[in-house]
Amino acid sequence: MSTPDCLETLRDALRDFAAARDWAPFHTPKNLAMALAGEAGEVIEHFQWLTPEQSAALSAQTREAVALELADVLLYLVRLADVLDIDLAQAAQRKLAINEQRYPVEAARGRADNYDRLQQ
């Protein structure tokens, strides 16, 4: 038996949190996906009118607010993956392997192009 990773520990804590409040009827994939999008929007609000330089030099207060919004995004993402029975860490590893193929170092280094434009 392997030791649980941080995502599994977080998933289990979220399961317990939701179960204690009887939130299963509300934690449908649709509702969780919508909540996730809403929280991502709240992250974006902190950066909306900043220059690239300002966005990289947040005040301590703004940085803390962003940290809490990012936590909300993570919590909804982990909960959604759990409800859908998706191993999020495994899915992320698969996606990273796909991106390794799509964005070979030789073609992608220093470029922000989408993978379908790298071969042009």
C-alpha atoms as a PDB file:
ATOM      1  CA  MET A   1       0.000   0.000   0.000  1.00  0.00           C
ATOM      2  CA  SER A   2       1.409   3.373  -0.968  1.00  0.00           C
ATOM      3  CA  THR A   3       1.459   6.494   1.165  1.00  0.00           C
ATOM      4  CA  PRO A   4      -1.301   8.946   0.209  1.00  0.00           C
ATOM      5  CA  ASP A   5      -0.090  12.030  -1.618  1.00  0.00           C
ATOM      6  CA  CYS A   6      -1.117  15.600  -0.860  1.00  0.00           C
ATOM      7  CA  LEU A   7      -3.949  15.552  -3.416  1.00  0.00           C
ATOM      8  CA  GLU A   8      -5.375  12.369  -1.924  1.00  0.00           C
ATOM      9  CA  THR A   9      -5.185  13.850   1.565  1.00  0.00           C
ATOM     10  CA  LEU A  10      -6.897  17.019   0.359  1.00  0.00           C
ATOM     11  CA  ARG A  11      -9.523  14.980  -1.511  1.00  0.00           C
ATOM     12  CA  ASP A  12     -10.318  12.993   1.611  1.00  0.00           C
ATOM     13  CA  ALA A  13     -10.590  16.136   3.739  1.00  0.00           C
ATOM     14  CA  LEU A  14     -12.963  17.670   1.188  1.00  0.00           C
ATOM     15  CA  ARG A  15     -15.052  14.489   1.129  1.00  0.00           C
ATOM     16  CA  ASP A  16     -15.369  14.624   4.903  1.00  0.00           C
ATOM     17  CA  PHE A  17     -16.133  18.359   4.861  1.00  0.00           C
ATOM     18  CA  ALA A  18     -18.899  17.941   2.261  1.00  0.00           C
ATOM     19  CA  ALA A  19     -20.316  14.798   3.891  1.00  0.00           C
ATOM     20  CA  ALA A  20     -20.548  16.453   7.309  1.00  0.00           C
ATOM     21  CA  ARG A  21     -22.678  19.190   5.726  1.00  0.00           C
ATOM     22  CA  ASP A  22     -24.724  16.813   3.535  1.00  0.00           C
ATOM     23  CA  TRP A  23     -23.646  18.682   0.405  1.00  0.00           C
ATOM     24  CA  ALA A  24     -23.577  15.678  -1.946  1.00  0.00           C
ATOM     25  CA  PRO A  25     -26.884  16.723  -3.595  1.00  0.00           C
ATOM     26  CA  PHE A  26     -25.318  20.079  -4.468  1.00  0.00           C
ATOM     27  CA  HIS A  27     -21.894  18.785  -5.486  1.00  0.00           C
ATOM     28  CA  THR A  28     -22.904  17.673  -8.951  1.00  0.00           C
ATOM     29  CA  PRO A  29     -20.296  17.875 -11.701  1.00  0.00           C
ATOM     30  CA  LYS A  30     -22.193  20.767 -13.298  1.00  0.00           C
ATOM     31  CA  ASN A  31     -22.374  22.768 -10.087  1.00  0.00           C
ATOM     32  CA  LEU A  32     -18.759  22.111  -9.166  1.00  0.00           C
ATOM     33  CA  ALA A  33     -17.550  23.043 -12.669  1.00  0.00           C
ATOM     34  CA  MET A  34     -19.524  26.284 -12.504  1.00  0.00           C
ATOM     35  CA  ALA A  35     -18.151  27.070  -9.032  1.00  0.00           C
ATOM     36  CA  LEU A  36     -14.636  26.339 -10.300  1.00  0.00           C
ATOM     37  CA  ALA A  37     -15.100  28.762 -13.193  1.00  0.00           C
ATOM     38  CA  GLY A  38     -16.466  31.406 -10.838  1.00  0.00           C
ATOM     39  CA  GLU A  39     -13.493  31.102  -8.524  1.00  0.00           C
ATOM     40  CA  ALA A  40     -11.087  31.274 -11.484  1.00  0.00           C
ATOM     41  CA  GLY A  41     -12.842  34.501 -12.430  1.00  0.00           C
ATOM     42  CA  GLU A  42     -12.157  35.847  -8.946  1.00  0.00           C
ATOM     43  CA  VAL A  43      -8.444  35.140  -9.467  1.00  0.00           C
ATOM     44  CA  ILE A  44      -8.560  37.002 -12.771  1.00  0.00           C
ATOM     45  CA  GLU A  45     -10.161  40.049 -11.136  1.00  0.00           C
ATOM     46  CA  HIS A  46      -6.961  40.693  -9.194  1.00  0.00           C
ATOM     47  CA  PHE A  47      -4.959  40.959 -12.425  1.00  0.00           C
ATOM     48  CA  GLN A  48      -7.497  42.440 -14.840  1.00  0.00           C
ATOM     49  CA  TRP A  49      -6.111  45.956 -15.234  1.00  0.00           C
ATOM     50  CA  LEU A  50      -2.508  45.437 -14.174  1.00  0.00           C
ATOM     51  CA  THR A  51       0.489  45.703 -16.420  1.00  0.00           C
ATOM     52  CA  PRO A  52       2.661  42.580 -16.705  1.00  0.00           C
ATOM     53  CA  GLU A  53       5.142  44.246 -14.344  1.00  0.00           C
ATOM     54  CA  GLN A  54       2.470  45.082 -11.765  1.00  0.00           C
ATOM     55  CA  SER A  55       1.087  41.546 -11.940  1.00  0.00           C
ATOM     56  CA  ALA A  56       4.526  40.178 -11.034  1.00  0.00           C
ATOM     57  CA  ALA A  57       4.937  42.554  -8.075  1.00  0.00           C
ATOM     58  CA  LEU A  58       1.746  42.207  -6.043  1.00  0.00           C
ATOM     59  CA  SER A  59       1.415  43.840  -2.646  1.00  0.00           C
ATOM     60  CA  ALA A  60       1.393  41.495   0.329  1.00  0.00           C
ATOM     61  CA  GLN A  61      -2.334  42.113   0.803  1.00  0.00           C
ATOM     62  CA  THR A  62      -3.179  41.345  -2.838  1.00  0.00           C
ATOM     63  CA  ARG A  63      -0.879  38.324  -2.846  1.00  0.00           C
ATOM     64  CA  GLU A  64      -2.734  36.915   0.183  1.00  0.00           C
ATOM     65  CA  ALA A  65      -6.110  37.540  -1.474  1.00  0.00           C
ATOM     66  CA  VAL A  66      -4.872  35.776  -4.625  1.00  0.00           C
ATOM     67  CA  ALA A  67      -3.575  32.884  -2.511  1.00  0.00           C
ATOM     68  CA  LEU A  68      -7.030  32.362  -1.009  1.00  0.00           C
ATOM     69  CA  GLU A  69      -8.719  32.539  -4.422  1.00  0.00           C
ATOM     70  CA  LEU A  70      -6.218  30.030  -5.818  1.00  0.00           C
ATOM     71  CA  ALA A  71      -7.020  27.783  -2.866  1.00  0.00           C
ATOM     72  CA  ASP A  72     -10.716  28.001  -3.772  1.00  0.00           C
ATOM     73  CA  VAL A  73      -9.885  27.007  -7.355  1.00  0.00           C
ATOM     74  CA  LEU A  74      -7.831  24.061  -6.141  1.00  0.00           C
ATOM     75  CA  LEU A  75     -10.506  22.920  -3.706  1.00  0.00           C
ATOM     76  CA  TYR A  76     -13.244  22.945  -6.338  1.00  0.00           C
ATOM     77  CA  LEU A  77     -10.944  21.240  -8.856  1.00  0.00           C
ATOM     78  CA  VAL A  78     -10.052  18.451  -6.435  1.00  0.00           C
ATOM     79  CA  ARG A  79     -13.694  18.019  -5.399  1.00  0.00           C
ATOM     80  CA  LEU A  80     -14.859  17.892  -9.033  1.00  0.00           C
ATOM     81  CA  ALA A  81     -12.229  15.278  -9.874  1.00  0.00           C
ATOM     82  CA  ASP A  82     -13.330  13.223  -6.856  1.00  0.00           C
ATOM     83  CA  VAL A  83     -17.021  13.374  -7.780  1.00  0.00           C
ATOM     84  CA  LEU A  84     -16.125  12.275 -11.320  1.00  0.00           C
ATOM     85  CA  ASP A  85     -13.767   9.560  -9.981  1.00  0.00           C
ATOM     86  CA  ILE A  86     -10.778  11.030 -11.803  1.00  0.00           C
ATOM     87  CA  ASP A  87      -7.299  10.585 -10.384  1.00  0.00           C
ATOM     88  CA  LEU A  88      -6.176  14.167 -10.830  1.00  0.00           C
ATOM     89  CA  ALA A  89      -2.472  13.524 -10.291  1.00  0.00           C
ATOM     90  CA  GLN A  90      -2.525  10.683 -12.823  1.00  0.00           C
ATOM     91  CA  ALA A  91      -4.464  12.808 -15.339  1.00  0.00           C
ATOM     92  CA  ALA A  92      -1.950  15.635 -14.895  1.00  0.00           C
ATOM     93  CA  GLN A  93       0.946  13.257 -15.532  1.00  0.00           C
ATOM     94  CA  ARG A  94      -0.755  11.981 -18.704  1.00  0.00           C
ATOM     95  CA  LYS A  95      -1.348  15.551 -19.888  1.00  0.00           C
ATOM     96  CA  LEU A  96       2.262  16.498 -19.189  1.00  0.00           C
ATOM     97  CA  ALA A  97       3.408  13.545 -21.319  1.00  0.00           C
ATOM     98  CA  ILE A  98       1.089  14.684 -24.133  1.00  0.00           C
ATOM     99  CA  ASN A  99       2.469  18.215 -23.880  1.00  0.00           C
ATOM    100  CA  GLU A 100       6.036  16.873 -24.010  1.00  0.00           C
ATOM    101  CA  GLN A 101       5.152  15.498 -27.444  1.00  0.00           C
ATOM    102  CA  ARG A 102       3.220  18.565 -28.578  1.00  0.00           C
ATOM    103  CA  TYR A 103       5.869  21.036 -27.464  1.00  0.00           C
ATOM    104  CA  PRO A 104       9.297  19.550 -28.184  1.00  0.00           C
ATOM    105  CA  VAL A 105      12.054  21.663 -26.664  1.00  0.00           C
ATOM    106  CA  GLU A 106      13.724  22.304 -30.030  1.00  0.00           C
ATOM    107  CA  ALA A 107      10.527  23.761 -31.521  1.00  0.00           C
ATOM    108  CA  ALA A 108       8.972  25.420 -28.467  1.00  0.00           C
ATOM    109  CA  ARG A 109      11.882  27.040 -26.632  1.00  0.00           C
ATOM    110  CA  GLY A 110      11.194  30.749 -26.227  1.00  0.00           C
ATOM    111  CA  ARG A 111       7.934  30.614 -28.193  1.00  0.00           C
ATOM    112  CA  ALA A 112       4.371  31.095 -26.943  1.00  0.00           C
ATOM    113  CA  ASP A 113       2.790  29.565 -30.024  1.00  0.00           C
ATOM    114  CA  ASN A 114       0.141  26.877 -29.773  1.00  0.00           C
ATOM    115  CA  TYR A 115       1.431  23.412 -30.622  1.00  0.00           C
ATOM    116  CA  ASP A 116      -0.329  23.382 -34.001  1.00  0.00           C
ATOM    117  CA  ARG A 117       1.769  26.394 -35.082  1.00  0.00           C
ATOM    118  CA  LEU A 118       5.150  25.130 -33.948  1.00  0.00           C
ATOM    119  CA  GLN A 119       5.686  23.049 -37.077  1.00  0.00           C
ATOM    120  CA  GLN A 120       5.075  25.972 -39.426  1.00  0.00           C
END
